[in-house]
Amino acid sequence: MTSTAKSHSALTGAVVAGAAATAVFAGTALGAAPAANASCASFFGLGNSAECTSTPLSIAIAIGNGATAHASGLFGAAFSTGTNAVATTGDAFTLATALGDGSAATANGLFGIATQLGSNGSATTAGSGGIINLGFNVALNVTPFASAPNSSSVTAGGTGGGGNLAMNFFGTGTSGAPDSMKVVANGLFDIATNVGGRNNVVQSGSSSAGSIINLATNLFGDGNSVSAQGGIWNWATNILGTQNQVGTDGSLLNTASNILGNNNEVVTTGGYLNWVRNILGDGNIVMIVGGYQNSARNLFGGSNAVQIVGGYGNTAQNLFGTQNIASISSGYYNTASNLLGGNNNQLISNGGYLNSVRNIVGSNNTLTVGGFGSNWNTADNFLSSHNTLVAGGVGSNLNAAFNTGGGGNAVKAGEGGGNLNLGFNFLGSTNTVTAGPGPLTLAGTVLVNGQTVTKNTAGIAINKFRVGGAAATGGQSASAASAKAATGVKKSAKKSAAGAGKRTRN
């Protein structure tokens, strides 16, 4: 009997000594060397104290001044190491580990795993073990050395949620404000991850929406809010950017992404299969609000605003330019695109159905298309700058405004509600072309400068050529003006020569 007691005592001592040695090594690696004289342990309901408690088939071990460990439920384990470290489990098959001064780990819900590595942070898994809040969540918070007290929090799970993963690696926040740097995965099968940075808020999923497999990720950014809430397969991502807000709030495969950019707002709200992206740009606003199958992109540009507000199947994008605006306010299947354009372009679609506005290579252009109740209108500028193009308006249909080459032109077709009008400029500058309200009007300028061509009713007016009705034209081309001036000079020279001859004969 005595031999059995001695064996049991030796075994218990070996377990405690081993745990203490492990904690000392872990504490040293994390910059915290806890004092062993303030340690406690409780195994399977034996050795309970104010600092350590356990239930049958559970284990609680605390090492360090003010450290506590409490393991509740079946097959639970709570380990804390460091000054004022706290580890708590609340349901069956749970594990809570807190390593570092001021660290806290709380594991609730079935199969909950909460791990806090480093000082002054917290990791929590939510759940009650009930049928609508089972658990199956994992929370991991790794805080950097000498983090500010109570400065970060990681939470996985919530009411009605389960199967979530929330992680933070070396991100930190403000002292006394755990919500200043927080990572939350709250819903069904959601993942929220933060790597580096300061004062970041990364949130994935919404228990009220019953979200499934939403991802919210921030890498190395500062002051970011990255959120993917509700629905299925939503993604919100920020990489290496600062002061960004990247969010999706809806359902079914919405994506909001910012990569390597600064001061950006990238937002999707509602709808299905929407995409919003900014890559390598600075100070950008890329936004979709509502609608289905919408896409808004900015690539390599800075200080750009690319927006879609409402509607279905719309696309707004800016590629390779800076300080450009591509905007769709409403409507269905509308497009606003700036491609390889320079700076300060404005591309605006005011709603309607299947309207498009495009700028390809050019700067300081303003292109406007469509309006409420409008259909199949387009305004396109190619290889030109400082132009204004308008196609259609409220209730207008099948209008087109084109400009190719030149610069400083104003081309309008069907403005104010016309139908079946076409206005164009080809390789001319400082021309004004107006077609409509029509219907069936064609007005344009070709290889001339400084002309005004207007066609209001059915017919054709190109430069000074017209078919059908009266065409208002004004100005003249630079070539024509030069030719006329040259002719005048020649006539004057001939008259002078003739006069001189007469005086000589006299």
Protein backbone atom coordinates (compact mmCIF):
# COMPACT_ATOMS: atom_id res chain seq x y z
CA MET A 1 0.00 0.00 0.00
CA THR A 2 2.82 2.28 0.94
CA SER A 3 4.61 1.36 -2.25
CA THR A 4 1.49 2.20 -4.30
CA ALA A 5 1.13 5.60 -2.63
CA LYS A 6 4.77 6.38 -3.26
CA SER A 7 4.41 5.39 -6.92
CA HIS A 8 1.31 7.57 -7.29
CA SER A 9 3.10 10.48 -5.61
CA ALA A 10 6.10 10.08 -7.85
CA LEU A 11 3.93 9.97 -10.98
CA THR A 12 2.06 13.12 -9.97
CA GLY A 13 5.30 14.89 -9.21
CA ALA A 14 6.75 13.92 -12.57
CA VAL A 15 3.69 15.26 -14.42
CA VAL A 16 3.80 18.57 -12.56
CA ALA A 17 7.55 18.87 -13.04
CA GLY A 18 7.25 18.14 -16.74
CA ALA A 19 4.49 20.71 -17.15
CA ALA A 20 6.53 23.27 -15.25
CA ALA A 21 9.57 22.65 -17.42
CA THR A 22 7.50 22.97 -20.60
CA ALA A 23 5.95 26.20 -19.37
CA VAL A 24 9.33 27.67 -18.46
CA PHE A 25 10.68 27.00 -21.97
CA ALA A 26 7.53 28.43 -23.59
CA GLY A 27 7.55 31.44 -21.31
CA THR A 28 11.18 32.13 -22.09
CA ALA A 29 10.47 32.00 -25.84
CA LEU A 30 7.64 34.48 -25.39
CA GLY A 31 9.59 36.84 -23.19
CA ALA A 32 7.80 35.80 -19.97
CA ALA A 33 9.56 33.74 -17.28
CA PRO A 34 6.80 32.83 -14.80
CA ALA A 35 7.49 32.10 -11.16
CA ALA A 36 6.91 28.44 -10.23
CA ASN A 37 5.93 29.18 -6.64
CA ALA A 38 2.53 30.47 -7.76
CA SER A 39 1.58 27.36 -9.74
CA CYS A 40 -1.33 24.95 -9.33
CA ALA A 41 -2.74 21.85 -10.93
CA SER A 42 -6.04 19.97 -10.88
CA PHE A 43 -6.51 16.54 -12.44
CA PHE A 44 -9.91 14.87 -12.98
CA GLY A 45 -11.57 16.87 -10.22
CA LEU A 46 -8.77 16.34 -7.71
CA GLY A 47 -6.68 19.17 -6.31
CA ASN A 48 -9.22 21.89 -7.04
CA SER A 49 -8.42 25.38 -5.73
CA ALA A 50 -9.36 28.98 -6.40
CA GLU A 51 -6.71 29.09 -9.14
CA CYS A 52 -7.18 25.63 -10.68
CA THR A 53 -10.34 23.54 -11.07
CA SER A 54 -11.25 20.51 -13.14
CA THR A 55 -14.08 18.05 -13.64
CA PRO A 56 -13.88 14.28 -14.13
CA LEU A 57 -11.80 13.51 -17.24
CA SER A 58 -10.48 17.10 -17.40
CA ILE A 59 -7.11 18.69 -16.54
CA ALA A 60 -6.17 22.21 -15.45
CA ILE A 61 -2.61 23.49 -14.96
CA ALA A 62 -1.53 27.07 -14.19
CA ILE A 63 2.05 28.30 -13.77
CA GLY A 64 2.96 31.87 -12.88
CA ASN A 65 2.02 34.66 -10.48
CA GLY A 66 -1.73 35.17 -10.64
CA ALA A 67 -2.16 32.48 -13.31
CA THR A 68 -5.43 30.51 -13.32
CA ALA A 69 -6.76 27.46 -15.17
CA HIS A 70 -10.30 26.06 -15.11
CA ALA A 71 -11.41 23.01 -17.10
CA SER A 72 -15.13 22.25 -17.23
CA GLY A 73 -16.98 19.55 -19.10
CA LEU A 74 -15.75 16.15 -20.24
CA PHE A 75 -12.32 15.71 -21.77
CA GLY A 76 -11.34 19.34 -21.32
CA ALA A 77 -7.83 20.70 -20.78
CA ALA A 78 -6.81 24.19 -19.66
CA PHE A 79 -3.16 25.30 -19.56
CA SER A 80 -1.90 28.75 -18.60
CA THR A 81 1.66 29.98 -18.22
CA GLY A 82 2.71 33.51 -17.35
CA THR A 83 1.87 36.27 -14.94
CA ASN A 84 -1.92 36.67 -14.73
CA ALA A 85 -2.44 34.19 -17.56
CA VAL A 86 -5.95 32.70 -17.74
CA ALA A 87 -7.17 29.50 -19.46
CA THR A 88 -10.78 28.30 -19.31
CA THR A 89 -12.80 25.54 -20.99
CA GLY A 90 -16.56 25.22 -20.83
CA ASP A 91 -17.75 22.21 -22.84
CA ALA A 92 -16.72 18.69 -23.84
CA PHE A 93 -13.62 18.00 -25.93
CA THR A 94 -12.21 21.49 -25.50
CA LEU A 95 -8.66 22.81 -25.17
CA ALA A 96 -7.61 26.24 -23.91
CA THR A 97 -3.95 27.28 -23.89
CA ALA A 98 -2.67 30.67 -22.71
CA LEU A 99 1.11 31.21 -22.84
CA GLY A 100 2.43 34.64 -21.92
CA ASP A 101 1.93 37.39 -19.38
CA GLY A 102 -1.61 38.73 -19.40
CA SER A 103 -2.71 36.12 -21.93
CA ALA A 104 -6.24 34.67 -21.96
CA ALA A 105 -7.74 31.62 -23.69
CA THR A 106 -11.39 30.56 -23.45
CA ALA A 107 -12.71 27.46 -25.22
CA ASN A 108 -16.48 27.00 -25.28
CA GLY A 109 -18.62 24.77 -27.46
CA LEU A 110 -17.94 21.17 -28.44
CA PHE A 111 -14.43 20.56 -29.80
CA GLY A 112 -13.47 24.17 -29.22
CA ILE A 113 -9.75 25.00 -29.38
CA ALA A 114 -8.57 28.40 -28.14
CA THR A 115 -4.85 29.21 -28.14
CA GLN A 116 -3.20 32.45 -27.09
CA LEU A 117 0.55 32.58 -27.68
CA GLY A 118 2.28 35.72 -26.48
CA SER A 119 1.47 38.42 -23.99
CA ASN A 120 -1.63 40.58 -23.50
CA GLY A 121 -3.94 39.02 -26.06
CA SER A 122 -7.01 36.79 -25.97
CA ALA A 123 -8.38 33.85 -27.96
CA THR A 124 -11.99 32.70 -27.61
CA THR A 125 -14.18 30.04 -29.15
CA ALA A 126 -17.92 30.51 -28.68
CA GLY A 127 -20.58 27.87 -28.28
CA SER A 128 -22.77 26.21 -25.70
CA GLY A 129 -22.84 22.61 -26.86
CA GLY A 130 -26.54 23.01 -27.65
CA ILE A 131 -28.11 21.91 -30.91
CA ILE A 132 -28.11 25.43 -32.42
CA ASN A 133 -24.72 26.42 -31.04
CA LEU A 134 -22.60 23.28 -30.97
CA GLY A 135 -19.16 24.79 -31.45
CA PHE A 136 -16.41 23.10 -33.49
CA ASN A 137 -14.53 26.42 -33.61
CA VAL A 138 -10.80 27.21 -33.50
CA ALA A 139 -9.26 30.51 -32.36
CA LEU A 140 -5.52 31.24 -32.51
CA ASN A 141 -3.91 34.52 -31.47
CA VAL A 142 -0.14 34.96 -31.73
CA THR A 143 0.87 38.36 -30.40
CA PRO A 144 4.32 39.92 -30.83
CA PHE A 145 6.82 40.38 -28.02
CA ALA A 146 5.94 43.12 -25.51
CA SER A 147 2.43 43.74 -26.84
CA ALA A 148 0.39 46.42 -25.10
CA PRO A 149 -1.88 45.16 -22.28
CA ASN A 150 -5.29 43.88 -23.36
CA SER A 151 -4.73 45.02 -26.95
CA SER A 152 -6.00 42.25 -29.25
CA SER A 153 -8.72 39.61 -29.44
CA VAL A 154 -9.53 36.64 -31.65
CA THR A 155 -12.99 35.06 -31.60
CA ALA A 156 -14.33 32.06 -33.49
CA GLY A 157 -18.04 31.20 -33.44
CA GLY A 158 -21.23 32.72 -32.14
CA THR A 159 -24.92 32.03 -31.65
CA GLY A 160 -26.11 29.82 -34.46
CA GLY A 161 -22.59 29.39 -35.84
CA GLY A 162 -20.07 26.58 -35.93
CA GLY A 163 -17.00 25.24 -37.67
CA ASN A 164 -15.24 28.62 -37.77
CA LEU A 165 -11.52 29.44 -37.77
CA ALA A 166 -10.16 32.80 -36.55
CA MET A 167 -6.43 33.54 -36.52
CA ASN A 168 -4.09 36.45 -35.82
CA PHE A 169 -0.34 36.31 -36.35
CA PHE A 170 1.65 39.17 -34.80
CA GLY A 171 -0.97 41.84 -35.30
CA THR A 172 -1.42 44.20 -32.37
CA GLY A 173 -3.68 47.02 -31.24
CA THR A 174 -4.10 49.79 -28.71
CA SER A 175 -3.54 49.29 -25.00
CA GLY A 176 -6.76 48.60 -23.13
CA ALA A 177 -8.80 48.22 -26.35
CA PRO A 178 -9.00 44.56 -27.42
CA ASP A 179 -11.45 45.47 -30.20
CA SER A 180 -8.89 47.79 -31.83
CA MET A 181 -7.19 44.68 -33.24
CA LYS A 182 -9.73 41.91 -33.51
CA VAL A 183 -10.30 38.92 -35.73
CA VAL A 184 -13.77 37.37 -35.75
CA ALA A 185 -15.14 34.34 -37.62
CA ASN A 186 -18.81 34.19 -36.76
CA GLY A 187 -21.20 32.01 -38.73
CA LEU A 188 -20.99 28.60 -40.36
CA PHE A 189 -17.61 27.38 -41.67
CA ASP A 190 -16.05 30.83 -41.93
CA ILE A 191 -12.37 31.80 -41.80
CA ALA A 192 -10.90 35.12 -40.63
CA THR A 193 -7.14 35.70 -40.73
CA ASN A 194 -4.86 38.61 -39.92
CA VAL A 195 -1.08 38.63 -40.37
CA GLY A 196 0.87 41.60 -39.03
CA GLY A 197 -0.24 45.20 -38.92
CA ARG A 198 -1.83 47.27 -36.19
CA ASN A 199 -5.40 48.17 -35.25
CA ASN A 200 -6.90 45.86 -37.87
CA VAL A 201 -10.46 44.56 -37.78
CA VAL A 202 -10.97 41.34 -39.75
CA GLN A 203 -14.40 39.72 -39.66
CA SER A 204 -15.87 36.83 -41.60
CA GLY A 205 -19.45 35.64 -41.59
CA SER A 206 -22.65 36.46 -39.80
CA SER A 207 -24.52 34.06 -37.56
CA SER A 208 -27.82 35.76 -38.35
CA ALA A 209 -27.29 35.19 -42.09
CA GLY A 210 -26.14 31.61 -41.69
CA SER A 211 -23.02 32.20 -43.75
CA ILE A 212 -20.92 29.30 -45.08
CA ILE A 213 -17.21 29.33 -45.91
CA ASN A 214 -16.67 33.08 -46.04
CA LEU A 215 -13.07 34.27 -45.93
CA ALA A 216 -11.74 37.59 -44.61
CA THR A 217 -7.96 38.05 -44.79
CA ASN A 218 -5.53 40.89 -44.03
CA LEU A 219 -1.78 40.59 -44.54
CA PHE A 220 0.65 43.18 -43.17
CA GLY A 221 -1.76 46.09 -43.43
CA ASP A 222 -2.44 48.82 -40.86
CA GLY A 223 -5.75 50.28 -39.76
CA ASN A 224 -7.78 48.03 -42.06
CA SER A 225 -11.33 46.78 -41.78
CA VAL A 226 -11.74 43.55 -43.75
CA SER A 227 -15.17 41.95 -43.56
CA ALA A 228 -17.05 39.14 -45.35
CA GLN A 229 -20.52 38.78 -43.88
CA GLY A 230 -23.48 36.66 -44.81
CA GLY A 231 -24.21 34.33 -47.67
CA ILE A 232 -22.02 31.65 -49.22
CA TRP A 233 -18.43 31.84 -50.48
CA ASN A 234 -17.86 35.55 -49.91
CA TRP A 235 -14.23 36.76 -49.87
CA ALA A 236 -12.69 39.95 -48.50
CA THR A 237 -8.91 40.34 -48.81
CA ASN A 238 -6.34 43.08 -48.13
CA ILE A 239 -2.61 42.50 -48.68
CA LEU A 240 0.12 44.96 -47.71
CA GLY A 241 -2.19 47.98 -47.76
CA THR A 242 -2.84 50.59 -45.09
CA GLN A 243 -6.02 52.30 -43.88
CA ASN A 244 -8.15 50.18 -46.19
CA GLN A 245 -11.75 49.05 -45.84
CA VAL A 246 -12.47 45.87 -47.76
CA GLY A 247 -15.85 44.25 -47.29
CA THR A 248 -18.58 42.05 -48.72
CA ASP A 249 -22.06 42.05 -47.24
CA GLY A 250 -24.39 39.77 -49.14
CA SER A 251 -24.50 36.27 -50.43
CA LEU A 252 -23.12 33.82 -52.97
CA LEU A 253 -19.58 34.29 -54.24
CA ASN A 254 -19.02 38.02 -53.70
CA THR A 255 -15.37 39.10 -53.67
CA ALA A 256 -13.73 42.31 -52.45
CA SER A 257 -9.93 42.51 -52.78
CA ASN A 258 -7.21 45.11 -52.29
CA ILE A 259 -3.58 44.19 -52.96
CA LEU A 260 -0.61 46.45 -52.18
CA GLY A 261 -2.74 49.59 -52.19
CA ASN A 262 -3.22 52.39 -49.67
CA ASN A 263 -6.21 54.36 -48.39
CA ASN A 264 -8.64 52.24 -50.39
CA GLU A 265 -12.30 51.38 -49.89
CA VAL A 266 -13.28 48.21 -51.70
CA VAL A 267 -16.91 47.28 -50.98
CA THR A 268 -19.59 44.87 -52.18
CA THR A 269 -23.03 45.00 -50.59
CA GLY A 270 -25.65 42.42 -51.47
CA GLY A 271 -26.22 40.61 -54.70
CA TYR A 272 -24.72 37.47 -56.22
CA LEU A 273 -21.45 36.79 -58.03
CA ASN A 274 -20.17 40.37 -57.66
CA TRP A 275 -16.44 41.15 -57.91
CA VAL A 276 -14.61 44.22 -56.63
CA ARG A 277 -10.82 44.54 -56.86
CA ASN A 278 -8.03 47.07 -56.52
CA ILE A 279 -4.45 46.00 -57.28
CA LEU A 280 -1.35 48.11 -56.64
CA GLY A 281 -3.31 51.36 -56.55
CA ASP A 282 -3.39 54.15 -53.97
CA GLY A 283 -6.30 56.10 -52.53
CA ASN A 284 -8.91 54.23 -54.58
CA ILE A 285 -12.63 53.67 -54.01
CA VAL A 286 -13.90 50.57 -55.80
CA MET A 287 -17.50 49.77 -54.89
CA ILE A 288 -20.54 47.66 -55.80
CA VAL A 289 -23.80 48.20 -53.91
CA GLY A 290 -26.52 45.71 -54.72
CA GLY A 291 -27.26 43.92 -57.94
CA TYR A 292 -26.15 40.63 -59.44
CA GLN A 293 -23.12 39.65 -61.52
CA ASN A 294 -21.55 43.11 -61.21
CA SER A 295 -17.81 43.69 -61.50
CA ALA A 296 -15.75 46.77 -60.57
CA ARG A 297 -11.97 46.75 -61.08
CA ASN A 298 -8.98 49.02 -60.72
CA LEU A 299 -5.56 47.75 -61.78
CA PHE A 300 -2.22 49.54 -61.23
CA GLY A 301 -3.88 52.95 -60.89
CA GLY A 302 -3.93 55.40 -58.01
CA SER A 303 -6.56 57.80 -56.64
CA ASN A 304 -9.28 56.21 -58.78
CA ALA A 305 -13.00 55.82 -58.09
CA VAL A 306 -14.66 52.84 -59.76
CA GLN A 307 -18.27 52.43 -58.66
CA ILE A 308 -21.40 50.43 -59.41
CA VAL A 309 -24.55 51.30 -57.46
CA GLY A 310 -27.44 48.92 -58.04
CA GLY A 311 -28.39 47.12 -61.20
CA TYR A 312 -27.54 43.68 -62.56
CA GLY A 313 -24.63 42.43 -64.61
CA ASN A 314 -22.85 45.81 -64.76
CA THR A 315 -19.09 46.32 -65.18
CA ALA A 316 -17.04 49.37 -64.16
CA GLN A 317 -13.27 49.22 -64.46
CA ASN A 318 -10.12 51.31 -64.70
CA LEU A 319 -6.86 49.80 -65.94
CA PHE A 320 -3.42 51.44 -65.81
CA GLY A 321 -4.61 55.00 -65.24
CA THR A 322 -4.61 57.38 -62.29
CA GLN A 323 -7.27 59.68 -60.83
CA ASN A 324 -9.93 58.29 -63.17
CA ILE A 325 -13.62 57.81 -62.37
CA ALA A 326 -15.62 54.93 -63.86
CA SER A 327 -19.15 54.93 -62.47
CA ILE A 328 -22.45 53.11 -63.08
CA SER A 329 -25.34 54.47 -61.04
CA SER A 330 -28.04 51.90 -61.83
CA GLY A 331 -29.56 49.82 -64.58
CA TYR A 332 -28.86 46.43 -66.12
CA TYR A 333 -25.80 45.08 -67.95
CA ASN A 334 -24.17 48.49 -68.32
CA THR A 335 -20.42 49.00 -68.81
CA ALA A 336 -18.02 51.81 -67.90
CA SER A 337 -14.40 51.07 -68.79
CA ASN A 338 -11.15 53.01 -68.91
CA LEU A 339 -8.36 51.02 -70.57
CA LEU A 340 -4.77 52.16 -70.83
CA GLY A 341 -6.07 55.65 -70.26
CA GLY A 342 -4.06 58.39 -68.70
CA ASN A 343 -5.31 60.67 -65.97
CA ASN A 344 -8.46 62.47 -64.89
CA ASN A 345 -10.99 60.67 -67.08
CA GLN A 346 -14.65 60.48 -66.06
CA LEU A 347 -16.77 57.64 -67.42
CA ILE A 348 -20.37 57.68 -66.22
CA SER A 349 -23.33 55.45 -67.02
CA ASN A 350 -26.56 56.88 -65.63
CA GLY A 351 -28.58 53.68 -65.74
CA GLY A 352 -30.80 52.01 -68.27
CA TYR A 353 -30.25 48.75 -70.11
CA LEU A 354 -27.13 47.62 -72.00
CA ASN A 355 -25.53 51.06 -72.14
CA SER A 356 -21.75 51.35 -72.41
CA VAL A 357 -19.09 54.01 -72.03
CA ARG A 358 -15.42 53.39 -72.85
CA ASN A 359 -12.18 55.33 -72.96
CA ILE A 360 -9.12 53.70 -74.52
CA VAL A 361 -5.86 55.66 -74.30
CA GLY A 362 -6.49 59.28 -73.46
CA SER A 363 -6.65 61.76 -70.60
CA ASN A 364 -9.04 64.39 -69.27
CA ASN A 365 -12.04 62.97 -71.11
CA THR A 366 -15.66 63.06 -69.88
CA LEU A 367 -17.96 60.37 -71.26
CA THR A 368 -21.61 60.05 -70.23
CA VAL A 369 -24.18 57.54 -71.40
CA GLY A 370 -27.79 56.56 -70.73
CA GLY A 371 -30.32 57.43 -68.10
CA PHE A 372 -33.48 56.07 -66.57
CA GLY A 373 -35.43 54.07 -69.15
CA SER A 374 -32.66 54.27 -71.76
CA ASN A 375 -31.43 51.33 -73.83
CA TRP A 376 -28.51 50.36 -76.07
CA ASN A 377 -26.60 53.63 -75.96
CA THR A 378 -22.80 53.88 -76.23
CA ALA A 379 -20.12 56.58 -75.91
CA ASP A 380 -16.58 55.62 -76.91
CA ASN A 381 -13.33 57.58 -77.09
CA PHE A 382 -10.15 56.20 -78.69
CA LEU A 383 -6.64 57.62 -78.62
CA SER A 384 -7.64 61.17 -77.77
CA SER A 385 -7.71 63.62 -74.85
CA HIS A 386 -9.76 66.56 -73.54
CA ASN A 387 -13.00 65.37 -75.16
CA THR A 388 -16.64 65.38 -74.02
CA LEU A 389 -18.95 62.64 -75.29
CA VAL A 390 -22.66 62.17 -74.49
CA ALA A 391 -24.84 59.34 -75.79
CA GLY A 392 -28.53 59.20 -74.90
CA GLY A 393 -30.40 60.41 -71.88
CA VAL A 394 -33.58 59.65 -69.99
CA GLY A 395 -35.80 57.42 -72.14
CA SER A 396 -33.37 57.40 -75.08
CA ASN A 397 -32.59 54.40 -77.28
CA LEU A 398 -29.90 53.29 -79.72
CA ASN A 399 -27.69 56.38 -79.67
CA ALA A 400 -23.93 56.39 -80.21
CA ALA A 401 -21.16 58.96 -79.81
CA PHE A 402 -17.65 58.15 -81.09
CA ASN A 403 -14.40 60.05 -81.08
CA THR A 404 -11.14 58.80 -82.58
CA GLY A 405 -7.94 60.82 -82.52
CA GLY A 406 -7.62 64.57 -82.36
CA GLY A 407 -8.52 66.33 -79.15
CA GLY A 408 -10.77 68.90 -77.50
CA ASN A 409 -13.92 67.67 -79.25
CA ALA A 410 -17.54 67.63 -78.06
CA VAL A 411 -19.65 64.85 -79.57
CA LYS A 412 -23.28 64.33 -78.53
CA ALA A 413 -25.93 61.92 -79.82
CA GLY A 414 -29.52 61.69 -78.60
CA GLU A 415 -28.90 63.92 -75.59
CA GLY A 416 -32.12 64.70 -73.77
CA GLY A 417 -34.04 61.62 -74.89
CA GLY A 418 -33.52 61.12 -78.62
CA ASN A 419 -33.56 57.83 -80.52
CA LEU A 420 -31.47 56.29 -83.30
CA ASN A 421 -28.82 59.00 -83.53
CA LEU A 422 -25.09 58.81 -84.30
CA GLY A 423 -22.47 61.50 -83.72
CA PHE A 424 -18.78 61.07 -84.46
CA ASN A 425 -15.41 62.74 -84.93
CA PHE A 426 -12.50 61.19 -86.81
CA LEU A 427 -8.99 62.61 -86.54
CA GLY A 428 -10.14 66.16 -85.94
CA SER A 429 -9.72 68.62 -83.08
CA THR A 430 -11.86 71.28 -81.36
CA ASN A 431 -14.97 70.16 -83.25
CA THR A 432 -18.54 70.25 -81.91
CA VAL A 433 -20.88 67.56 -83.23
CA THR A 434 -24.55 67.20 -82.23
CA ALA A 435 -26.89 64.50 -83.55
CA GLY A 436 -30.53 64.38 -82.49
CA PRO A 437 -33.02 64.26 -81.02
CA GLY A 438 -33.86 62.68 -84.37
CA PRO A 439 -34.71 59.98 -84.98
CA LEU A 440 -32.36 58.69 -87.69
CA THR A 441 -29.76 61.45 -87.65
CA LEU A 442 -26.07 61.15 -88.51
CA ALA A 443 -23.67 64.00 -87.78
CA GLY A 444 -19.88 63.98 -87.87
CA THR A 445 -16.56 65.58 -88.66
CA VAL A 446 -13.70 63.95 -90.56
CA LEU A 447 -10.13 65.30 -90.82
CA VAL A 448 -11.14 68.87 -90.01
CA ASN A 449 -10.64 71.19 -87.06
CA GLY A 450 -12.77 73.81 -85.37
CA GLN A 451 -16.06 72.96 -87.08
CA THR A 452 -19.59 72.84 -85.63
CA VAL A 453 -21.92 70.27 -87.21
CA THR A 454 -25.50 69.85 -86.00
CA LYS A 455 -28.26 67.55 -87.33
CA ASN A 456 -31.53 67.63 -85.42
CA THR A 457 -33.87 65.76 -87.75
CA ALA A 458 -33.59 62.72 -90.00
CA GLY A 459 -30.68 62.93 -92.40
CA ILE A 460 -26.91 63.16 -92.69
CA ALA A 461 -24.47 65.99 -91.99
CA ILE A 462 -20.74 65.33 -92.30
CA ASN A 463 -18.45 68.33 -92.39
CA LYS A 464 -20.34 70.57 -94.89
CA PHE A 465 -21.98 67.72 -96.75
CA ARG A 466 -25.67 67.09 -96.00
CA VAL A 467 -28.51 64.81 -97.01
CA GLY A 468 -32.11 65.52 -95.94
CA GLY A 469 -33.27 68.71 -94.26
CA ALA A 470 -31.13 71.62 -93.20
CA ALA A 471 -27.81 71.07 -91.53
CA ALA A 472 -26.30 73.74 -89.33
CA THR A 473 -22.55 74.03 -89.81
CA GLY A 474 -20.08 76.59 -88.65
CA GLY A 475 -16.38 77.21 -88.49
CA GLN A 476 -13.90 75.82 -90.94
CA SER A 477 -11.07 73.40 -90.97
CA ALA A 478 -7.50 74.53 -90.47
CA SER A 479 -6.57 73.17 -93.89
CA ALA A 480 -9.37 75.06 -95.58
CA ALA A 481 -8.43 78.25 -93.80
CA SER A 482 -4.82 77.87 -94.87
CA ALA A 483 -5.78 77.22 -98.49
CA LYS A 484 -8.08 80.25 -98.55
CA ALA A 485 -5.41 82.46 -97.06
CA ALA A 486 -2.88 81.24 -99.60
CA THR A 487 -5.29 81.96 -102.47
CA GLY A 488 -5.86 85.49 -101.19
CA VAL A 489 -2.14 86.15 -101.02
CA LYS A 490 -1.66 84.93 -104.61
CA LYS A 491 -4.50 87.14 -105.93
CA SER A 492 -3.09 90.17 -104.15
CA ALA A 493 0.35 89.50 -105.57
CA LYS A 494 -1.06 89.24 -109.13
CA LYS A 495 -2.92 92.56 -108.78
CA SER A 496 0.20 94.31 -107.52
CA ALA A 497 2.26 92.94 -110.40
CA ALA A 498 -0.31 94.04 -112.98
CA GLY A 499 -0.43 97.54 -111.56
CA ALA A 500 3.33 97.87 -111.64
CA GLY A 501 3.39 96.80 -115.30
CA LYS A 502 0.88 99.44 -116.31
CA ARG A 503 2.83 102.19 -114.57
CA THR A 504 6.02 101.09 -116.33
CA ARG A 505 4.37 101.24 -119.80
CA ASN A 506 2.93 104.65 -119.06
